Amino acid sequence: MDHTASPKLEVVVISTAQLRGLITDAVREAMSAQRPTEGYLDTEQAAAYLGTTVSSLRTAVARGKLAPDHRGQRGGGMKGNRFTRKTLDAFIRRDSAARV
């Protein structure tokens, strides 16, 4: 008869908001390891960093919830908005606090 102890299964219950926060943190950590820490992120990169869609990011900017660090000029040199990770991290903290 085998008397080796089998590992116990532990079940942890968390809310959807907590799960979303854990996933966002994991994605942000993985992405920061892959990208340089300096400079601007364009809209697509910023959306990926936030774990959201480009459309949702643009909506947040249009509603004044997120201000880009650099506003691009249509038809000019740098098109589209640019964001720093510092700005995006602050947005995540504010957004997470509002959801609690």
C-alpha atoms as a PDB file:
ATOM      1  CA  MET A   1       0.000   0.000   0.000  1.00  0.00           C
ATOM      2  CA  ASP A   2       1.396   3.407  -0.981  1.00  0.00           C
ATOM      3  CA  HIS A   3       1.329   5.881   1.897  1.00  0.00           C
ATOM      4  CA  THR A   4       2.879   8.870   0.118  1.00  0.00           C
ATOM      5  CA  ALA A   5       1.090  12.079   0.806  1.00  0.00           C
ATOM      6  CA  SER A   6      -0.726  13.483  -2.174  1.00  0.00           C
ATOM      7  CA  PRO A   7      -0.663  17.242  -2.666  1.00  0.00           C
ATOM      8  CA  LYS A   8      -3.697  19.065  -1.384  1.00  0.00           C
ATOM      9  CA  LEU A   9      -5.720  21.134  -3.800  1.00  0.00           C
ATOM     10  CA  GLU A  10      -6.389  24.653  -2.595  1.00  0.00           C
ATOM     11  CA  VAL A  11      -9.292  26.621  -4.028  1.00  0.00           C
ATOM     12  CA  VAL A  12      -9.080  30.400  -3.927  1.00  0.00           C
ATOM     13  CA  VAL A  13     -12.076  32.562  -4.729  1.00  0.00           C
ATOM     14  CA  ILE A  14     -11.454  36.069  -6.061  1.00  0.00           C
ATOM     15  CA  SER A  15     -13.638  38.639  -7.719  1.00  0.00           C
ATOM     16  CA  THR A  16     -13.582  39.411 -11.426  1.00  0.00           C
ATOM     17  CA  ALA A  17     -11.990  42.791 -10.657  1.00  0.00           C
ATOM     18  CA  GLN A  18      -9.219  41.119  -8.653  1.00  0.00           C
ATOM     19  CA  LEU A  19      -8.601  38.625 -11.459  1.00  0.00           C
ATOM     20  CA  ARG A  20      -8.499  41.449 -14.009  1.00  0.00           C
ATOM     21  CA  GLY A  21      -5.954  43.266 -11.842  1.00  0.00           C
ATOM     22  CA  LEU A  22      -3.745  40.181 -11.514  1.00  0.00           C
ATOM     23  CA  ILE A  23      -3.830  39.584 -15.269  1.00  0.00           C
ATOM     24  CA  THR A  24      -3.111  43.247 -16.024  1.00  0.00           C
ATOM     25  CA  ASP A  25      -0.139  43.219 -13.653  1.00  0.00           C
ATOM     26  CA  ALA A  26       1.237  40.024 -15.210  1.00  0.00           C
ATOM     27  CA  VAL A  27       0.867  41.366 -18.754  1.00  0.00           C
ATOM     28  CA  ARG A  28       2.444  44.716 -17.817  1.00  0.00           C
ATOM     29  CA  GLU A  29       5.379  42.953 -16.158  1.00  0.00           C
ATOM     30  CA  ALA A  30       5.932  40.676 -19.147  1.00  0.00           C
ATOM     31  CA  MET A  31       5.719  43.564 -21.609  1.00  0.00           C
ATOM     32  CA  SER A  32       8.072  45.797 -19.644  1.00  0.00           C
ATOM     33  CA  ALA A  33      10.687  43.044 -19.772  1.00  0.00           C
ATOM     34  CA  GLN A  34      10.386  42.955 -23.574  1.00  0.00           C
ATOM     35  CA  ARG A  35      10.450  46.668 -24.318  1.00  0.00           C
ATOM     36  CA  PRO A  36      12.898  49.432 -23.562  1.00  0.00           C
ATOM     37  CA  THR A  37      11.994  51.448 -20.475  1.00  0.00           C
ATOM     38  CA  GLU A  38      12.482  54.856 -22.085  1.00  0.00           C
ATOM     39  CA  GLY A  39      10.603  56.736 -24.743  1.00  0.00           C
ATOM     40  CA  TYR A  40       7.061  56.940 -25.921  1.00  0.00           C
ATOM     41  CA  LEU A  41       4.559  54.232 -26.766  1.00  0.00           C
ATOM     42  CA  ASP A  42       2.254  54.816 -29.714  1.00  0.00           C
ATOM     43  CA  THR A  43      -1.473  54.175 -29.432  1.00  0.00           C
ATOM     44  CA  GLU A  44      -1.247  50.499 -30.383  1.00  0.00           C
ATOM     45  CA  GLN A  45       1.634  49.842 -27.982  1.00  0.00           C
ATOM     46  CA  ALA A  46      -0.118  51.745 -25.185  1.00  0.00           C
ATOM     47  CA  ALA A  47      -3.315  49.745 -25.685  1.00  0.00           C
ATOM     48  CA  ALA A  48      -1.343  46.491 -25.500  1.00  0.00           C
ATOM     49  CA  TYR A  49       0.476  47.719 -22.374  1.00  0.00           C
ATOM     50  CA  LEU A  50      -2.880  48.469 -20.747  1.00  0.00           C
ATOM     51  CA  GLY A  51      -4.363  45.159 -21.898  1.00  0.00           C
ATOM     52  CA  THR A  52      -7.151  46.901 -23.794  1.00  0.00           C
ATOM     53  CA  THR A  53      -8.139  47.743 -27.346  1.00  0.00           C
ATOM     54  CA  VAL A  54      -7.045  50.756 -29.370  1.00  0.00           C
ATOM     55  CA  SER A  55     -10.692  51.819 -29.517  1.00  0.00           C
ATOM     56  CA  SER A  56     -11.020  51.771 -25.713  1.00  0.00           C
ATOM     57  CA  LEU A  57      -7.783  53.724 -25.342  1.00  0.00           C
ATOM     58  CA  ARG A  58      -8.971  56.369 -27.801  1.00  0.00           C
ATOM     59  CA  THR A  59     -12.289  56.590 -25.949  1.00  0.00           C
ATOM     60  CA  ALA A  60     -10.456  57.173 -22.641  1.00  0.00           C
ATOM     61  CA  VAL A  61      -8.459  59.991 -24.283  1.00  0.00           C
ATOM     62  CA  ALA A  62     -11.566  61.520 -25.897  1.00  0.00           C
ATOM     63  CA  ARG A  63     -13.408  61.484 -22.543  1.00  0.00           C
ATOM     64  CA  GLY A  64     -10.489  63.124 -20.758  1.00  0.00           C
ATOM     65  CA  LYS A  65      -9.736  60.099 -18.578  1.00  0.00           C
ATOM     66  CA  LEU A  66      -6.242  59.718 -20.057  1.00  0.00           C
ATOM     67  CA  ALA A  67      -4.073  62.532 -21.385  1.00  0.00           C
ATOM     68  CA  PRO A  68      -1.314  61.603 -23.825  1.00  0.00           C
ATOM     69  CA  ASP A  69       2.185  62.885 -23.140  1.00  0.00           C
ATOM     70  CA  HIS A  70       2.419  64.014 -26.747  1.00  0.00           C
ATOM     71  CA  ARG A  71      -0.493  64.791 -29.028  1.00  0.00           C
ATOM     72  CA  GLY A  72       0.306  63.936 -32.608  1.00  0.00           C
ATOM     73  CA  GLN A  73      -0.704  66.168 -35.467  1.00  0.00           C
ATOM     74  CA  ARG A  74      -2.652  64.772 -38.363  1.00  0.00           C
ATOM     75  CA  GLY A  75      -0.696  65.283 -41.541  1.00  0.00           C
ATOM     76  CA  GLY A  76       2.325  66.456 -39.531  1.00  0.00           C
ATOM     77  CA  GLY A  77       5.544  64.778 -38.561  1.00  0.00           C
ATOM     78  CA  MET A  78       4.517  62.535 -35.661  1.00  0.00           C
ATOM     79  CA  LYS A  79       1.040  61.121 -36.231  1.00  0.00           C
ATOM     80  CA  GLY A  80      -1.037  59.891 -33.352  1.00  0.00           C
ATOM     81  CA  ASN A  81      -0.712  60.244 -29.614  1.00  0.00           C
ATOM     82  CA  ARG A  82       2.288  59.079 -27.592  1.00  0.00           C
ATOM     83  CA  PHE A  83       2.282  57.863 -23.999  1.00  0.00           C
ATOM     84  CA  THR A  84       4.933  57.102 -21.398  1.00  0.00           C
ATOM     85  CA  ARG A  85       4.717  54.063 -19.161  1.00  0.00           C
ATOM     86  CA  LYS A  86       4.604  56.409 -16.166  1.00  0.00           C
ATOM     87  CA  THR A  87       1.426  58.023 -17.536  1.00  0.00           C
ATOM     88  CA  LEU A  88      -0.134  54.645 -18.332  1.00  0.00           C
ATOM     89  CA  ASP A  89       0.742  53.227 -14.899  1.00  0.00           C
ATOM     90  CA  ALA A  90      -0.878  56.245 -13.217  1.00  0.00           C
ATOM     91  CA  PHE A  91      -3.978  55.727 -15.369  1.00  0.00           C
ATOM     92  CA  ILE A  92      -4.122  52.061 -14.326  1.00  0.00           C
ATOM     93  CA  ARG A  93      -3.900  53.008 -10.640  1.00  0.00           C
ATOM     94  CA  ARG A  94      -6.675  55.616 -10.999  1.00  0.00           C
ATOM     95  CA  ASP A  95      -8.871  53.279 -13.051  1.00  0.00           C
ATOM     96  CA  SER A  96      -8.368  50.382 -10.621  1.00  0.00           C
ATOM     97  CA  ALA A  97      -9.209  52.593  -7.645  1.00  0.00           C
ATOM     98  CA  ALA A  98     -12.406  53.748  -9.362  1.00  0.00           C
ATOM     99  CA  ARG A  99     -13.516  50.118  -9.922  1.00  0.00           C
ATOM    100  CA  VAL A 100     -13.117  49.041  -6.283  1.00  0.00           C
END
